[in-house]
Amino acid sequence: MELKRSDCLILPLVLKKRWFDMIKSGIKWQEYRTSKNVCRMIERWYGEYYMLWGRKKLVVTFFLGYQKDRPSMSFLVDCVSYENQCTHPEWGEPEGKHCVIDIDNREQVTLVEG
C-alpha cells in the first residue's frame, strides 16, 4: 500500500537487529516501549489521531540502528495500548507498565512525499 506522508501520523522507532528481523519476518507483531518520553510521544501522536477523527492513518516506521543509510519498514498500526503484564518475554516485552504497539494486520506501507 502506498500512502502520502501528509495523510499519515508517523511514529519513528529505532530497533536492534534481532527485533527488526523478527518484525520483518512476521514472527513479532508487537513493539514495546517503557521510556516516559516515548510513551508521551505515543500518547500525543495517538491523541492527535482522535482529534483528526481518523482522517489520517497511523503508521509506525521501524529503523535498524542509527546509521545514515539504515534499512526501514513501515506498517499501519492496529492499536496502541498500555499493559502491566509481560505476555511475550521472548519478544523483549518488559515487566511493569509499558506501551504496546500492535501491527497485527502486517500491512506494510510505502510512504511517498505529498
N, C-alpha and C. Protein backbone atom coordinates (compact mmCIF):
# COMPACT_ATOMS: atom_id res chain seq x y z
N MET A 1 0.85 -1.17 0.00
CA MET A 1 0.00 0.00 0.00
C MET A 1 0.90 1.24 0.00
N GLU A 2 0.54 2.20 -0.79
CA GLU A 2 1.30 3.45 -0.86
C GLU A 2 0.48 4.57 -0.24
N LEU A 3 1.10 5.33 0.67
CA LEU A 3 0.42 6.43 1.35
C LEU A 3 1.26 7.70 1.26
N LYS A 4 0.57 8.83 1.17
CA LYS A 4 1.27 10.12 1.21
C LYS A 4 1.64 10.42 2.65
N ARG A 5 2.84 10.95 2.84
CA ARG A 5 3.28 11.32 4.20
C ARG A 5 2.31 12.30 4.85
N SER A 6 1.75 13.20 4.07
CA SER A 6 0.84 14.21 4.61
C SER A 6 -0.48 13.61 5.11
N ASP A 7 -0.79 12.39 4.70
CA ASP A 7 -2.02 11.71 5.13
C ASP A 7 -1.78 10.80 6.33
N CYS A 8 -0.57 10.85 6.90
CA CYS A 8 -0.20 9.91 7.96
C CYS A 8 0.34 10.62 9.19
N LEU A 9 0.15 9.99 10.32
CA LEU A 9 0.86 10.33 11.54
C LEU A 9 1.91 9.24 11.69
N ILE A 10 3.18 9.62 11.65
CA ILE A 10 4.26 8.65 11.60
C ILE A 10 5.03 8.63 12.92
N LEU A 11 5.15 7.45 13.49
CA LEU A 11 5.93 7.25 14.71
C LEU A 11 7.21 6.53 14.33
N PRO A 12 8.37 7.22 14.40
CA PRO A 12 9.64 6.57 14.07
C PRO A 12 10.23 5.88 15.30
N LEU A 13 10.60 4.61 15.16
CA LEU A 13 11.19 3.85 16.26
C LEU A 13 12.45 3.13 15.77
N VAL A 14 13.50 3.21 16.55
CA VAL A 14 14.76 2.53 16.23
C VAL A 14 14.78 1.19 16.95
N LEU A 15 15.18 0.15 16.21
CA LEU A 15 15.23 -1.20 16.76
C LEU A 15 16.62 -1.80 16.62
N LYS A 16 16.90 -2.75 17.51
CA LYS A 16 18.09 -3.57 17.36
C LYS A 16 17.82 -4.62 16.28
N LYS A 17 18.87 -5.19 15.72
CA LYS A 17 18.76 -6.13 14.61
C LYS A 17 17.83 -7.30 14.92
N ARG A 18 17.94 -7.85 16.10
CA ARG A 18 17.12 -9.01 16.48
C ARG A 18 15.63 -8.71 16.32
N TRP A 19 15.19 -7.58 16.90
CA TRP A 19 13.76 -7.23 16.87
C TRP A 19 13.34 -6.81 15.46
N PHE A 20 14.21 -6.09 14.76
CA PHE A 20 13.92 -5.66 13.39
C PHE A 20 13.68 -6.89 12.51
N ASP A 21 14.57 -7.87 12.60
CA ASP A 21 14.45 -9.09 11.79
C ASP A 21 13.20 -9.90 12.14
N MET A 22 12.85 -9.94 13.42
CA MET A 22 11.65 -10.68 13.84
C MET A 22 10.38 -10.02 13.30
N ILE A 23 10.33 -8.69 13.31
CA ILE A 23 9.16 -8.00 12.77
C ILE A 23 9.12 -8.17 11.25
N LYS A 24 10.26 -8.03 10.62
CA LYS A 24 10.34 -8.15 9.16
C LYS A 24 9.88 -9.54 8.69
N SER A 25 10.24 -10.58 9.43
CA SER A 25 9.87 -11.94 9.04
C SER A 25 8.43 -12.32 9.44
N GLY A 26 7.78 -11.47 10.25
CA GLY A 26 6.40 -11.74 10.66
C GLY A 26 6.27 -12.52 11.95
N ILE A 27 7.38 -12.83 12.59
CA ILE A 27 7.35 -13.56 13.86
C ILE A 27 6.80 -12.69 14.98
N LYS A 28 7.22 -11.44 15.00
CA LYS A 28 6.84 -10.50 16.05
C LYS A 28 5.87 -9.48 15.47
N TRP A 29 4.73 -9.26 16.14
CA TRP A 29 3.76 -8.29 15.63
C TRP A 29 3.42 -7.20 16.65
N GLN A 30 4.26 -7.07 17.67
CA GLN A 30 4.10 -6.00 18.64
C GLN A 30 5.47 -5.41 18.96
N GLU A 31 5.47 -4.12 19.27
CA GLU A 31 6.69 -3.46 19.76
C GLU A 31 6.34 -2.82 21.09
N TYR A 32 7.31 -2.77 21.98
CA TYR A 32 7.08 -2.31 23.36
C TYR A 32 8.01 -1.15 23.68
N ARG A 33 7.50 -0.20 24.47
CA ARG A 33 8.31 0.93 24.92
C ARG A 33 7.97 1.24 26.36
N THR A 34 9.03 1.50 27.17
CA THR A 34 8.83 1.88 28.57
C THR A 34 9.25 3.30 28.84
N SER A 35 10.05 3.88 27.99
CA SER A 35 10.55 5.24 28.20
C SER A 35 9.38 6.22 28.34
N LYS A 36 9.41 7.04 29.38
CA LYS A 36 8.35 8.03 29.57
C LYS A 36 8.26 8.98 28.39
N ASN A 37 9.42 9.36 27.83
CA ASN A 37 9.41 10.27 26.69
C ASN A 37 8.72 9.65 25.49
N VAL A 38 9.04 8.38 25.22
CA VAL A 38 8.42 7.70 24.07
C VAL A 38 6.93 7.50 24.32
N CYS A 39 6.55 7.11 25.53
CA CYS A 39 5.13 6.91 25.85
C CYS A 39 4.35 8.22 25.72
N ARG A 40 4.95 9.34 26.14
CA ARG A 40 4.30 10.64 25.97
C ARG A 40 4.14 10.97 24.50
N MET A 41 5.16 10.68 23.72
CA MET A 41 5.10 10.93 22.29
C MET A 41 3.99 10.09 21.66
N ILE A 42 3.87 8.84 22.08
CA ILE A 42 2.82 7.97 21.55
C ILE A 42 1.44 8.50 21.95
N GLU A 43 1.30 8.93 23.19
CA GLU A 43 0.02 9.49 23.65
C GLU A 43 -0.36 10.73 22.84
N ARG A 44 0.61 11.60 22.62
CA ARG A 44 0.38 12.82 21.85
C ARG A 44 0.01 12.45 20.40
N TRP A 45 0.76 11.51 19.85
CA TRP A 45 0.55 11.05 18.48
C TRP A 45 -0.81 10.39 18.33
N TYR A 46 -1.16 9.53 19.26
CA TYR A 46 -2.44 8.83 19.20
C TYR A 46 -3.59 9.78 19.48
N GLY A 47 -3.39 10.71 20.42
CA GLY A 47 -4.41 11.71 20.72
C GLY A 47 -4.70 12.59 19.53
N GLU A 48 -3.66 12.93 18.77
CA GLU A 48 -3.84 13.75 17.57
C GLU A 48 -4.70 13.01 16.55
N TYR A 49 -4.54 11.71 16.47
CA TYR A 49 -5.34 10.90 15.55
C TYR A 49 -6.83 11.05 15.87
N TYR A 50 -7.17 10.98 17.16
CA TYR A 50 -8.57 11.11 17.54
C TYR A 50 -9.09 12.51 17.28
N MET A 51 -8.25 13.52 17.47
CA MET A 51 -8.68 14.89 17.20
C MET A 51 -8.94 15.10 15.71
N LEU A 52 -8.26 14.36 14.87
CA LEU A 52 -8.46 14.46 13.42
C LEU A 52 -9.56 13.53 12.92
N TRP A 53 -10.24 12.83 13.85
CA TRP A 53 -11.35 11.94 13.56
C TRP A 53 -11.02 10.90 12.50
N GLY A 54 -9.83 10.35 12.59
CA GLY A 54 -9.49 9.24 11.73
C GLY A 54 -9.15 9.60 10.30
N ARG A 55 -8.98 10.88 10.01
CA ARG A 55 -8.66 11.28 8.63
C ARG A 55 -7.23 10.93 8.25
N LYS A 56 -6.39 10.73 9.24
CA LYS A 56 -5.00 10.36 8.97
C LYS A 56 -4.77 8.92 9.41
N LYS A 57 -3.91 8.24 8.69
CA LYS A 57 -3.55 6.87 9.03
C LYS A 57 -2.44 6.87 10.07
N LEU A 58 -2.48 5.93 10.99
CA LEU A 58 -1.43 5.77 11.98
C LEU A 58 -0.40 4.80 11.43
N VAL A 59 0.86 5.25 11.32
CA VAL A 59 1.93 4.45 10.74
C VAL A 59 3.13 4.45 11.68
N VAL A 60 3.72 3.27 11.89
CA VAL A 60 4.96 3.18 12.65
C VAL A 60 6.06 2.80 11.65
N THR A 61 7.18 3.54 11.71
CA THR A 61 8.33 3.23 10.86
C THR A 61 9.44 2.73 11.75
N PHE A 62 9.88 1.51 11.50
CA PHE A 62 10.96 0.91 12.26
C PHE A 62 12.27 1.09 11.49
N PHE A 63 13.29 1.53 12.20
CA PHE A 63 14.62 1.71 11.62
C PHE A 63 15.57 0.73 12.29
N LEU A 64 16.49 0.19 11.51
CA LEU A 64 17.51 -0.70 12.05
C LEU A 64 18.73 0.14 12.40
N GLY A 65 18.89 0.42 13.69
CA GLY A 65 20.04 1.18 14.15
C GLY A 65 19.96 2.66 13.81
N TYR A 66 21.12 3.33 13.92
CA TYR A 66 21.17 4.78 13.78
C TYR A 66 21.98 5.26 12.58
N GLN A 67 22.59 4.35 11.80
CA GLN A 67 23.42 4.79 10.69
C GLN A 67 22.58 5.54 9.65
N LYS A 68 23.24 6.34 8.84
CA LYS A 68 22.57 7.21 7.89
C LYS A 68 21.77 6.42 6.83
N ASP A 69 22.33 5.35 6.30
CA ASP A 69 21.68 4.58 5.24
C ASP A 69 21.01 3.32 5.78
N ARG A 70 20.39 3.42 6.95
CA ARG A 70 19.80 2.28 7.64
C ARG A 70 18.53 1.77 6.94
N PRO A 71 18.31 0.47 7.01
CA PRO A 71 17.06 -0.10 6.48
C PRO A 71 15.87 0.35 7.34
N SER A 72 14.72 0.39 6.72
CA SER A 72 13.50 0.74 7.44
C SER A 72 12.32 -0.01 6.86
N MET A 73 11.24 -0.05 7.62
CA MET A 73 9.97 -0.63 7.16
C MET A 73 8.85 0.07 7.90
N SER A 74 7.74 0.28 7.23
CA SER A 74 6.61 0.99 7.81
C SER A 74 5.36 0.12 7.76
N PHE A 75 4.55 0.22 8.82
CA PHE A 75 3.32 -0.57 8.92
C PHE A 75 2.19 0.31 9.43
N LEU A 76 0.97 -0.02 9.01
CA LEU A 76 -0.20 0.59 9.62
C LEU A 76 -0.31 0.05 11.04
N VAL A 77 -0.73 0.89 11.96
CA VAL A 77 -0.87 0.49 13.37
C VAL A 77 -2.31 0.09 13.64
N ASP A 78 -2.47 -1.08 14.24
CA ASP A 78 -3.81 -1.56 14.62
C ASP A 78 -4.28 -0.91 15.91
N CYS A 79 -3.38 -0.82 16.89
CA CYS A 79 -3.78 -0.39 18.22
C CYS A 79 -2.54 0.02 19.02
N VAL A 80 -2.72 0.98 19.91
CA VAL A 80 -1.70 1.34 20.88
C VAL A 80 -2.35 1.23 22.25
N SER A 81 -1.73 0.51 23.16
CA SER A 81 -2.31 0.31 24.48
C SER A 81 -1.22 0.28 25.55
N TYR A 82 -1.66 0.27 26.79
CA TYR A 82 -0.75 0.12 27.92
C TYR A 82 -0.99 -1.23 28.57
N GLU A 83 0.07 -1.87 28.98
CA GLU A 83 -0.03 -3.16 29.66
C GLU A 83 0.79 -3.09 30.94
N ASN A 84 0.42 -3.91 31.91
CA ASN A 84 1.19 -4.07 33.14
C ASN A 84 1.80 -5.45 33.25
N GLN A 85 1.33 -6.39 32.41
CA GLN A 85 1.82 -7.76 32.44
C GLN A 85 2.73 -8.03 31.25
N CYS A 86 3.63 -8.94 31.45
CA CYS A 86 4.53 -9.37 30.38
C CYS A 86 4.03 -10.69 29.83
N THR A 87 3.50 -10.69 28.59
CA THR A 87 2.98 -11.91 27.99
C THR A 87 3.90 -12.46 26.89
N HIS A 88 4.84 -11.63 26.41
CA HIS A 88 5.76 -12.06 25.35
C HIS A 88 7.21 -11.71 25.71
N PRO A 89 7.78 -12.33 26.75
CA PRO A 89 9.17 -12.01 27.09
C PRO A 89 10.16 -12.37 25.99
N GLU A 90 9.80 -13.35 25.15
CA GLU A 90 10.67 -13.75 24.06
C GLU A 90 10.76 -12.67 22.97
N TRP A 91 9.86 -11.68 23.01
CA TRP A 91 9.89 -10.56 22.06
C TRP A 91 10.46 -9.30 22.70
N GLY A 92 10.99 -9.43 23.91
CA GLY A 92 11.56 -8.27 24.59
C GLY A 92 10.56 -7.44 25.36
N GLU A 93 9.38 -8.00 25.62
CA GLU A 93 8.38 -7.25 26.37
C GLU A 93 8.84 -7.10 27.82
N PRO A 94 8.84 -5.88 28.34
CA PRO A 94 9.33 -5.65 29.70
C PRO A 94 8.27 -5.95 30.76
N GLU A 95 8.73 -6.11 31.98
CA GLU A 95 7.83 -6.22 33.13
C GLU A 95 7.36 -4.81 33.48
N GLY A 96 6.23 -4.70 34.16
CA GLY A 96 5.73 -3.40 34.59
C GLY A 96 4.99 -2.68 33.47
N LYS A 97 4.60 -1.43 33.74
CA LYS A 97 3.81 -0.65 32.79
C LYS A 97 4.63 -0.31 31.55
N HIS A 98 4.03 -0.53 30.38
CA HIS A 98 4.71 -0.24 29.11
C HIS A 98 3.67 -0.03 28.00
N CYS A 99 4.09 0.63 26.93
CA CYS A 99 3.25 0.84 25.75
C CYS A 99 3.40 -0.37 24.83
N VAL A 100 2.29 -0.76 24.22
CA VAL A 100 2.29 -1.85 23.25
C VAL A 100 1.76 -1.30 21.93
N ILE A 101 2.55 -1.45 20.88
CA ILE A 101 2.15 -1.00 19.55
C ILE A 101 1.88 -2.26 18.73
N ASP A 102 0.61 -2.46 18.35
CA ASP A 102 0.20 -3.65 17.60
C ASP A 102 0.24 -3.38 16.10
N ILE A 103 0.87 -4.31 15.38
CA ILE A 103 0.86 -4.26 13.91
C ILE A 103 0.37 -5.61 13.39
N ASP A 104 -0.70 -6.13 14.02
CA ASP A 104 -1.24 -7.46 13.70
C ASP A 104 -1.57 -7.66 12.23
N ASN A 105 -2.12 -6.63 11.59
CA ASN A 105 -2.56 -6.83 10.21
C ASN A 105 -1.40 -6.94 9.23
N ARG A 106 -0.18 -6.60 9.69
CA ARG A 106 1.03 -6.74 8.89
C ARG A 106 0.94 -6.03 7.55
N GLU A 107 0.15 -4.94 7.50
CA GLU A 107 0.02 -4.21 6.25
C GLU A 107 1.19 -3.23 6.13
N GLN A 108 2.17 -3.64 5.34
CA GLN A 108 3.34 -2.80 5.15
C GLN A 108 2.99 -1.69 4.16
N VAL A 109 3.48 -0.49 4.43
CA VAL A 109 3.17 0.66 3.58
C VAL A 109 4.44 1.29 3.05
N THR A 110 4.30 1.94 1.92
CA THR A 110 5.37 2.75 1.36
C THR A 110 4.93 4.20 1.48
N LEU A 111 5.77 5.01 2.10
CA LEU A 111 5.44 6.43 2.28
C LEU A 111 6.04 7.24 1.15
N VAL A 112 5.21 8.06 0.52
CA VAL A 112 5.67 8.92 -0.57
C VAL A 112 5.44 10.37 -0.18
N GLU A 113 6.20 11.27 -0.76
CA GLU A 113 6.06 12.69 -0.47
C GLU A 113 4.71 13.18 -0.98
N GLY A 114 4.18 14.17 -0.27
CA GLY A 114 2.93 14.74 -0.74
C GLY A 114 2.00 15.04 0.38
